Amino acid sequence: MRQLLVYSSAVAVLSACTATAIPGNATAADRKTSWVEFAWFQYEGTETPTTEVGGDEFLNPILAGFYPDPSICRVGDEYFLINSTFAWFPGIPIFRSRDLVHWTQIGHVLDRPSQLNLDGRGVSEGVFAPAIEHRDGVFYVINTLVGAGGNFYVTADDPAGPWSDPRWLREVNGIDPSFFFDDDGRAYIVHNGPPPDGKPLYDGHRALWLHEFDFKTGTTRSGSARIIVNGGTDLSKKPVWIEGPHIFKRGGFYYLTAAEGGTGPEHSQVVFRSRDVWGPYETPGKPILTQRHLPPSRPNPITCVGHADFVRTPAGDWWAVFLGCRPYENNKTNIGRETFLLPVRWENDWPIIS
């Protein structure tokens, strides 16, 4: 498949609008201050393609509008994808697809107040960077409620729900956790956390931590926490905001991929690999996905790309979903971060997205 980039805007649709009746004898002042009530607000990230799509092509973004921080997993011949929702309720939409391009929303992961208490929370204090995995017939979504409670995970037998109430992981200190289930039956949690000794060397200095996860207790194994990446690809260059990590396995290597550079125009996706899940990890030292080297004046730019997650098809091909922005002027965008899809190619056992 080839991908086509379509530059257009998502739209918001106001439906089922109701208004309080205005009495016939109302004064002019009454009419100016009458109460109007919207019974239903519907947001649709629809597109009007300007390019015809061939049989081996698809349109990017695959989810238009406010669909940031995608995470994906495959079960059989079906794919499941989730996104961040921050301080909006219900939280974390979940989508199903058979071809990675056409997605149908099947519910929300957090759709009960008992799962997600956002009272008094600001937008950046809600849930972001969720990650989805599947093991032995059970779906897992791990996430962080940033402003209250910290890290947690929920489970479901059916991805459409119902999902469990949160199991809190108080010992996991940081954000952007994800599960990795190894072939030997062991499980791990990797996440963004504080630098060594909790002492940053510069603004934006963070680390990637790994914990072993115990299914019997539903928490991490005591004393297993370890830093596996300090700062990013090259600490001497002061990389910032290493985050959104995921681990997967291919050809005897453990691959650790993460976002680096912050979520603005310097955003990128980087990769590390090791023969041991605990490291040491090596890296090619350059992004496997970024747009920051391209001229800002280019037509119809896609910017801020990163925060990728990888998936393998039943045929053995690899693809990546990631976020990106389509600014209408400079770095301004009114439709937020969207979900894009690109194939992954392999060179010398290293993945490259773009």
Protein backbone atom coordinates (compact mmCIF):
# COMPACT_ATOMS: atom_id res chain seq x y z
CA MET A 1 0.00 0.00 0.00
CA ARG A 2 1.06 3.56 -0.67
CA GLN A 3 -0.11 6.44 1.47
CA LEU A 4 -1.47 9.78 0.32
CA LEU A 5 -1.46 12.86 2.52
CA VAL A 6 -4.68 14.83 2.40
CA TYR A 7 -4.71 18.39 3.66
CA SER A 8 -8.12 19.46 4.84
CA SER A 9 -9.93 20.28 8.04
CA ALA A 10 -11.97 18.28 10.47
CA VAL A 11 -15.45 19.65 11.14
CA ALA A 12 -17.65 19.93 14.18
CA VAL A 13 -21.36 19.27 13.80
CA LEU A 14 -23.99 20.78 16.11
CA SER A 15 -27.10 18.67 16.13
CA ALA A 16 -30.43 18.46 17.95
CA CYS A 17 -30.31 22.07 19.03
CA THR A 18 -33.12 23.17 21.34
CA ALA A 19 -33.97 26.64 22.57
CA THR A 20 -36.14 27.83 25.43
CA ALA A 21 -39.34 29.36 24.11
CA ILE A 22 -39.60 33.17 24.20
CA PRO A 23 -43.01 34.51 25.26
CA GLY A 24 -44.84 36.61 22.70
CA ASN A 25 -44.97 39.56 25.12
CA ALA A 26 -41.22 39.46 25.88
CA THR A 27 -39.35 42.73 25.76
CA ALA A 28 -36.40 43.40 23.44
CA ALA A 29 -34.06 42.90 26.38
CA ASP A 30 -35.65 39.51 27.13
CA ARG A 31 -35.13 38.43 23.55
CA LYS A 32 -31.44 39.40 23.62
CA THR A 33 -30.75 37.45 26.81
CA SER A 34 -32.85 34.34 26.14
CA TRP A 35 -31.25 31.01 27.07
CA VAL A 36 -30.19 28.67 24.28
CA GLU A 37 -29.43 25.05 25.07
CA PHE A 38 -27.63 22.45 22.95
CA ALA A 39 -28.93 18.97 23.69
CA TRP A 40 -26.27 17.23 21.64
CA PHE A 41 -22.82 18.07 20.31
CA GLN A 42 -21.23 15.71 17.82
CA TYR A 43 -17.63 15.94 16.63
CA GLU A 44 -16.76 14.35 13.31
CA GLY A 45 -13.24 14.18 11.93
CA THR A 46 -14.44 13.86 8.34
CA GLU A 47 -12.41 14.66 5.25
CA THR A 48 -13.12 15.82 1.71
CA PRO A 49 -10.37 14.09 -0.27
CA THR A 50 -8.96 16.06 -3.18
CA THR A 51 -7.04 13.08 -4.54
CA GLU A 52 -8.42 9.88 -5.98
CA VAL A 53 -7.26 6.80 -4.09
CA GLY A 54 -5.93 3.86 -6.08
CA GLY A 55 -6.30 0.22 -5.14
CA ASP A 56 -2.90 0.10 -3.44
CA GLU A 57 -3.16 3.52 -1.77
CA PHE A 58 -4.72 4.96 1.37
CA LEU A 59 -5.28 8.39 2.87
CA ASN A 60 -3.35 9.87 5.77
CA PRO A 61 -4.25 10.66 8.47
CA ILE A 62 -6.15 7.45 9.13
CA LEU A 63 -7.94 9.15 12.05
CA ALA A 64 -8.48 12.85 11.35
CA GLY A 65 -8.87 15.43 14.08
CA PHE A 66 -8.27 15.01 17.80
CA TYR A 67 -6.72 11.52 17.97
CA PRO A 68 -3.28 11.89 19.59
CA ASP A 69 -0.87 9.33 21.07
CA PRO A 70 -2.00 6.20 19.18
CA SER A 71 -1.22 2.74 20.50
CA ILE A 72 -2.01 -0.45 18.60
CA CYS A 73 -2.08 -4.23 18.97
CA ARG A 74 -3.14 -7.13 16.75
CA VAL A 75 -5.17 -10.19 17.73
CA GLY A 76 -5.52 -12.69 14.90
CA ASP A 77 -6.49 -10.73 11.81
CA GLU A 78 -7.94 -7.77 13.71
CA TYR A 79 -6.21 -4.61 14.93
CA PHE A 80 -7.17 -2.48 17.92
CA LEU A 81 -6.12 1.14 18.40
CA ILE A 82 -6.57 3.62 21.25
CA ASN A 83 -5.86 7.34 21.75
CA SER A 84 -5.40 9.89 24.51
CA THR A 85 -8.36 11.93 25.77
CA PHE A 86 -6.76 14.04 28.55
CA ALA A 87 -9.55 15.56 30.70
CA TRP A 88 -12.48 14.58 28.49
CA PHE A 89 -14.98 11.91 29.49
CA PRO A 90 -15.59 9.15 28.47
CA GLY A 91 -11.90 8.38 28.16
CA ILE A 92 -9.72 6.55 25.64
CA PRO A 93 -11.70 5.63 22.50
CA ILE A 94 -10.99 2.17 21.10
CA PHE A 95 -11.17 1.30 17.41
CA ARG A 96 -11.18 -1.95 15.42
CA SER A 97 -9.85 -2.57 11.89
CA ARG A 98 -8.98 -5.45 9.58
CA ASP A 99 -6.75 -3.49 7.19
CA LEU A 100 -5.06 -0.77 9.34
CA VAL A 101 -6.72 1.93 7.23
CA HIS A 102 -10.46 1.77 7.89
CA TRP A 103 -11.35 2.02 11.59
CA THR A 104 -14.62 1.64 13.48
CA GLN A 105 -14.98 2.88 17.03
CA ILE A 106 -16.30 0.09 19.26
CA GLY A 107 -16.43 1.95 22.57
CA HIS A 108 -14.37 3.69 25.24
CA VAL A 109 -11.98 2.05 27.68
CA LEU A 110 -12.91 4.42 30.52
CA ASP A 111 -16.66 5.00 30.35
CA ARG A 112 -17.67 4.90 34.04
CA PRO A 113 -16.99 7.53 36.71
CA SER A 114 -15.56 4.77 38.90
CA GLN A 115 -12.81 4.30 36.30
CA LEU A 116 -11.96 7.95 35.69
CA ASN A 117 -12.53 10.72 38.20
CA LEU A 118 -11.67 14.00 36.49
CA ASP A 119 -13.24 16.34 39.05
CA GLY A 120 -11.15 19.49 39.25
CA ARG A 121 -8.57 18.24 36.77
CA GLY A 122 -7.04 20.47 34.13
CA VAL A 123 -6.55 19.25 30.57
CA SER A 124 -2.93 18.23 31.20
CA GLU A 125 -3.89 16.51 34.44
CA GLY A 126 -6.04 13.86 32.76
CA VAL A 127 -5.08 10.69 30.90
CA PHE A 128 -2.62 10.63 28.04
CA ALA A 129 -0.32 8.19 26.22
CA PRO A 130 -2.31 4.99 26.90
CA ALA A 131 -0.91 1.70 25.61
CA ILE A 132 -2.80 -1.46 24.63
CA GLU A 133 -1.60 -5.08 24.60
CA HIS A 134 -3.19 -8.54 24.52
CA ARG A 135 -2.20 -11.78 26.23
CA ASP A 136 -3.98 -15.11 26.74
CA GLY A 137 -7.40 -13.80 25.76
CA VAL A 138 -7.18 -10.65 27.90
CA PHE A 139 -6.75 -7.07 26.69
CA TYR A 140 -4.67 -4.70 28.81
CA VAL A 141 -4.62 -0.90 28.71
CA ILE A 142 -2.08 0.85 30.90
CA ASN A 143 -2.15 4.60 31.45
CA THR A 144 -1.49 7.52 33.80
CA LEU A 145 -4.04 9.76 35.49
CA VAL A 146 -1.54 12.56 35.81
CA GLY A 147 -3.35 14.85 38.24
CA ALA A 148 -4.68 12.22 40.64
CA GLY A 149 -3.60 8.66 41.31
CA GLY A 150 -0.72 8.12 38.91
CA ASN A 151 -0.28 4.92 36.88
CA PHE A 152 -2.89 2.19 36.52
CA TYR A 153 -4.09 -0.54 34.18
CA VAL A 154 -7.48 -1.96 33.23
CA THR A 155 -8.42 -5.25 31.57
CA ALA A 156 -11.21 -6.68 29.41
CA ASP A 157 -12.03 -9.97 27.71
CA ASP A 158 -13.90 -8.06 24.99
CA PRO A 159 -12.23 -4.89 23.66
CA ALA A 160 -15.68 -3.33 23.27
CA GLY A 161 -16.02 -3.62 27.05
CA PRO A 162 -16.81 -3.67 29.80
CA TRP A 163 -13.34 -2.80 31.08
CA SER A 164 -12.37 -3.31 34.71
CA ASP A 165 -11.90 -0.62 37.29
CA PRO A 166 -8.28 0.57 37.56
CA ARG A 167 -5.57 -1.44 39.27
CA TRP A 168 -3.21 1.21 40.60
CA LEU A 169 0.57 0.94 40.24
CA ARG A 170 1.70 3.33 42.96
CA GLU A 171 5.30 2.15 42.74
CA VAL A 172 5.64 3.23 39.09
CA ASN A 173 6.91 6.80 39.28
CA GLY A 174 6.50 8.55 35.95
CA ILE A 175 4.27 8.71 32.89
CA ASP A 176 3.64 6.95 29.54
CA PRO A 177 3.79 3.32 30.74
CA SER A 178 3.38 0.37 28.39
CA PHE A 179 3.38 -3.40 28.84
CA PHE A 180 5.73 -5.83 27.11
CA PHE A 181 4.84 -9.54 27.23
CA ASP A 182 7.86 -11.72 26.44
CA ASP A 183 7.88 -15.16 24.82
CA ASP A 184 8.98 -16.85 28.06
CA GLY A 185 5.81 -15.76 29.90
CA ARG A 186 7.38 -12.86 31.74
CA ALA A 187 5.93 -9.36 31.58
CA TYR A 188 7.41 -5.90 31.96
CA ILE A 189 6.39 -2.26 32.26
CA VAL A 190 8.50 0.40 30.55
CA HIS A 191 7.86 4.10 31.16
CA ASN A 192 9.21 7.64 31.28
CA GLY A 193 10.63 8.49 34.70
CA PRO A 194 13.07 10.70 36.59
CA PRO A 195 16.79 10.70 35.72
CA PRO A 196 19.36 8.97 37.93
CA ASP A 197 19.09 10.05 41.58
CA GLY A 198 16.20 12.29 40.56
CA LYS A 199 18.65 15.01 39.56
CA PRO A 200 18.16 16.31 35.98
CA LEU A 201 21.30 17.59 34.27
CA TYR A 202 19.26 20.04 32.15
CA ASP A 203 15.67 21.02 31.47
CA GLY A 204 13.85 18.09 29.85
CA HIS A 205 16.31 15.45 31.05
CA ARG A 206 14.32 12.25 31.65
CA ALA A 207 14.97 8.50 31.61
CA LEU A 208 13.28 5.28 30.54
CA TRP A 209 12.64 2.77 33.32
CA LEU A 210 11.84 -0.95 33.21
CA HIS A 211 10.02 -3.02 35.86
CA GLU A 212 9.15 -6.69 35.85
CA PHE A 213 5.40 -7.19 36.23
CA ASP A 214 3.91 -9.94 38.40
CA PHE A 215 0.58 -11.27 37.13
CA LYS A 216 -0.19 -12.98 40.43
CA THR A 217 -0.08 -9.79 42.48
CA GLY A 218 -1.07 -7.41 39.70
CA THR A 219 1.88 -5.17 40.44
CA THR A 220 5.60 -4.88 39.75
CA ARG A 221 8.20 -7.12 41.37
CA SER A 222 9.83 -5.40 44.32
CA GLY A 223 13.32 -4.13 43.56
CA SER A 224 13.12 -4.82 39.82
CA ALA A 225 13.02 -1.18 38.67
CA ARG A 226 16.01 -0.15 36.56
CA ILE A 227 16.91 2.71 34.21
CA ILE A 228 17.57 1.32 30.72
CA VAL A 229 18.00 4.63 28.83
CA ASN A 230 19.34 7.81 30.42
CA GLY A 231 18.32 11.00 28.62
CA GLY A 232 17.91 9.61 25.11
CA THR A 233 20.00 8.66 22.12
CA ASP A 234 23.06 10.76 23.11
CA LEU A 235 23.22 12.26 26.60
CA SER A 236 26.09 14.56 25.57
CA LYS A 237 23.74 16.36 23.17
CA LYS A 238 21.17 16.93 25.94
CA PRO A 239 18.18 15.18 24.36
CA VAL A 240 14.86 16.20 25.88
CA TRP A 241 11.64 14.46 26.86
CA ILE A 242 12.33 10.84 26.06
CA GLU A 243 8.81 9.40 26.46
CA GLY A 244 6.09 7.14 25.10
CA PRO A 245 8.28 4.00 25.12
CA HIS A 246 7.30 0.61 23.69
CA ILE A 247 9.24 -2.67 23.56
CA PHE A 248 8.79 -5.38 20.94
CA LYS A 249 10.84 -8.34 19.77
CA ARG A 250 12.16 -9.28 16.33
CA GLY A 251 14.87 -11.68 15.22
CA GLY A 252 16.43 -12.14 18.64
CA PHE A 253 16.59 -8.41 19.38
CA TYR A 254 14.53 -6.46 21.88
CA TYR A 255 13.62 -3.15 20.27
CA LEU A 256 12.86 -0.15 22.46
CA THR A 257 11.26 2.73 20.59
CA ALA A 258 10.33 6.10 22.07
CA ALA A 259 9.55 9.71 21.26
CA GLU A 260 12.27 12.31 21.76
CA GLY A 261 12.47 16.09 21.38
CA GLY A 262 9.17 17.23 22.85
CA THR A 263 5.76 17.25 21.18
CA GLY A 264 6.37 20.38 19.05
CA PRO A 265 8.17 20.74 15.69
CA GLU A 266 11.32 19.06 17.13
CA HIS A 267 9.38 15.87 17.86
CA SER A 268 10.88 12.61 16.60
CA GLN A 269 10.84 8.85 17.06
CA VAL A 270 14.03 7.05 18.06
CA VAL A 271 14.96 3.41 18.54
CA PHE A 272 17.31 1.24 20.64
CA ARG A 273 17.97 -2.49 20.59
CA SER A 274 19.52 -5.15 22.81
CA ARG A 275 19.86 -8.92 23.05
CA ASP A 276 18.61 -8.67 26.64
CA VAL A 277 15.43 -6.90 27.70
CA TRP A 278 17.39 -5.24 30.53
CA GLY A 279 20.06 -3.93 28.15
CA PRO A 280 22.53 -2.56 27.50
CA TYR A 281 20.77 -0.87 24.58
CA GLU A 282 22.50 0.47 21.49
CA THR A 283 21.09 3.05 19.08
CA PRO A 284 21.90 4.35 15.60
CA GLY A 285 21.77 7.81 17.14
CA LYS A 286 19.40 9.40 14.65
CA PRO A 287 15.60 9.49 14.42
CA ILE A 288 13.70 6.84 12.51
CA LEU A 289 10.85 9.32 12.02
CA THR A 290 10.85 13.13 12.09
CA GLN A 291 9.91 16.15 9.99
CA ARG A 292 12.04 18.71 11.84
CA HIS A 293 14.70 18.83 9.11
CA LEU A 294 12.21 19.93 6.44
CA PRO A 295 11.72 23.63 5.51
CA PRO A 296 8.81 25.21 7.43
CA SER A 297 7.68 26.95 4.24
CA ARG A 298 6.94 23.68 2.41
CA PRO A 299 3.36 23.36 1.11
CA ASN A 300 0.84 21.39 3.14
CA PRO A 301 3.26 20.46 5.92
CA ILE A 302 2.89 17.55 8.30
CA THR A 303 4.67 18.49 11.54
CA CYS A 304 5.37 17.29 15.08
CA VAL A 305 5.43 13.61 14.08
CA GLY A 306 6.36 11.01 16.68
CA HIS A 307 4.95 8.96 19.54
CA ALA A 308 4.84 5.86 17.34
CA ASP A 309 3.73 2.31 18.07
CA PHE A 310 4.59 -0.71 15.91
CA VAL A 311 2.48 -3.64 14.76
CA ARG A 312 3.20 -6.73 12.65
CA THR A 313 0.68 -8.08 10.16
CA PRO A 314 -0.15 -11.80 9.81
CA ALA A 315 1.93 -11.73 6.60
CA GLY A 316 4.97 -10.51 8.54
CA ASP A 317 4.99 -6.89 7.39
CA TRP A 318 5.59 -4.11 9.90
CA TRP A 319 3.68 -0.83 10.18
CA ALA A 320 3.73 2.13 12.56
CA VAL A 321 0.99 4.42 13.79
CA PHE A 322 2.03 7.82 15.10
CA LEU A 323 0.77 11.32 15.75
CA GLY A 324 1.25 14.35 13.55
CA CYS A 325 -0.16 17.83 12.99
CA ARG A 326 -1.40 19.67 9.89
CA PRO A 327 -0.90 23.38 10.71
CA TYR A 328 -2.81 25.94 8.70
CA GLU A 329 -0.27 28.71 9.46
CA ASN A 330 3.16 28.44 11.06
CA ASN A 331 2.65 25.96 13.91
CA LYS A 332 -1.03 26.77 14.45
CA THR A 333 -3.58 24.00 14.21
CA ASN A 334 -7.22 23.86 15.23
CA ILE A 335 -7.73 20.11 14.80
CA GLY A 336 -5.01 18.95 17.16
CA ARG A 337 -2.77 15.92 16.81
CA GLU A 338 -4.00 13.21 14.47
CA THR A 339 -3.22 9.53 13.85
CA PHE A 340 -1.07 8.63 10.82
CA LEU A 341 0.10 5.29 9.39
CA LEU A 342 3.28 4.40 7.48
CA PRO A 343 5.07 1.16 6.60
CA VAL A 344 8.24 0.20 8.44
CA ARG A 345 11.24 -0.96 6.42
CA TRP A 346 14.23 -2.76 7.89
CA GLU A 347 17.89 -2.02 7.14
CA ASN A 348 20.60 -4.03 8.90
CA ASP A 349 18.05 -5.08 11.53
CA TRP A 350 17.10 -1.46 12.27
CA PRO A 351 13.56 -0.15 11.61
CA ILE A 352 13.00 3.04 9.59
CA ILE A 353 9.63 4.72 9.22
CA SER A 354 10.51 7.86 7.23
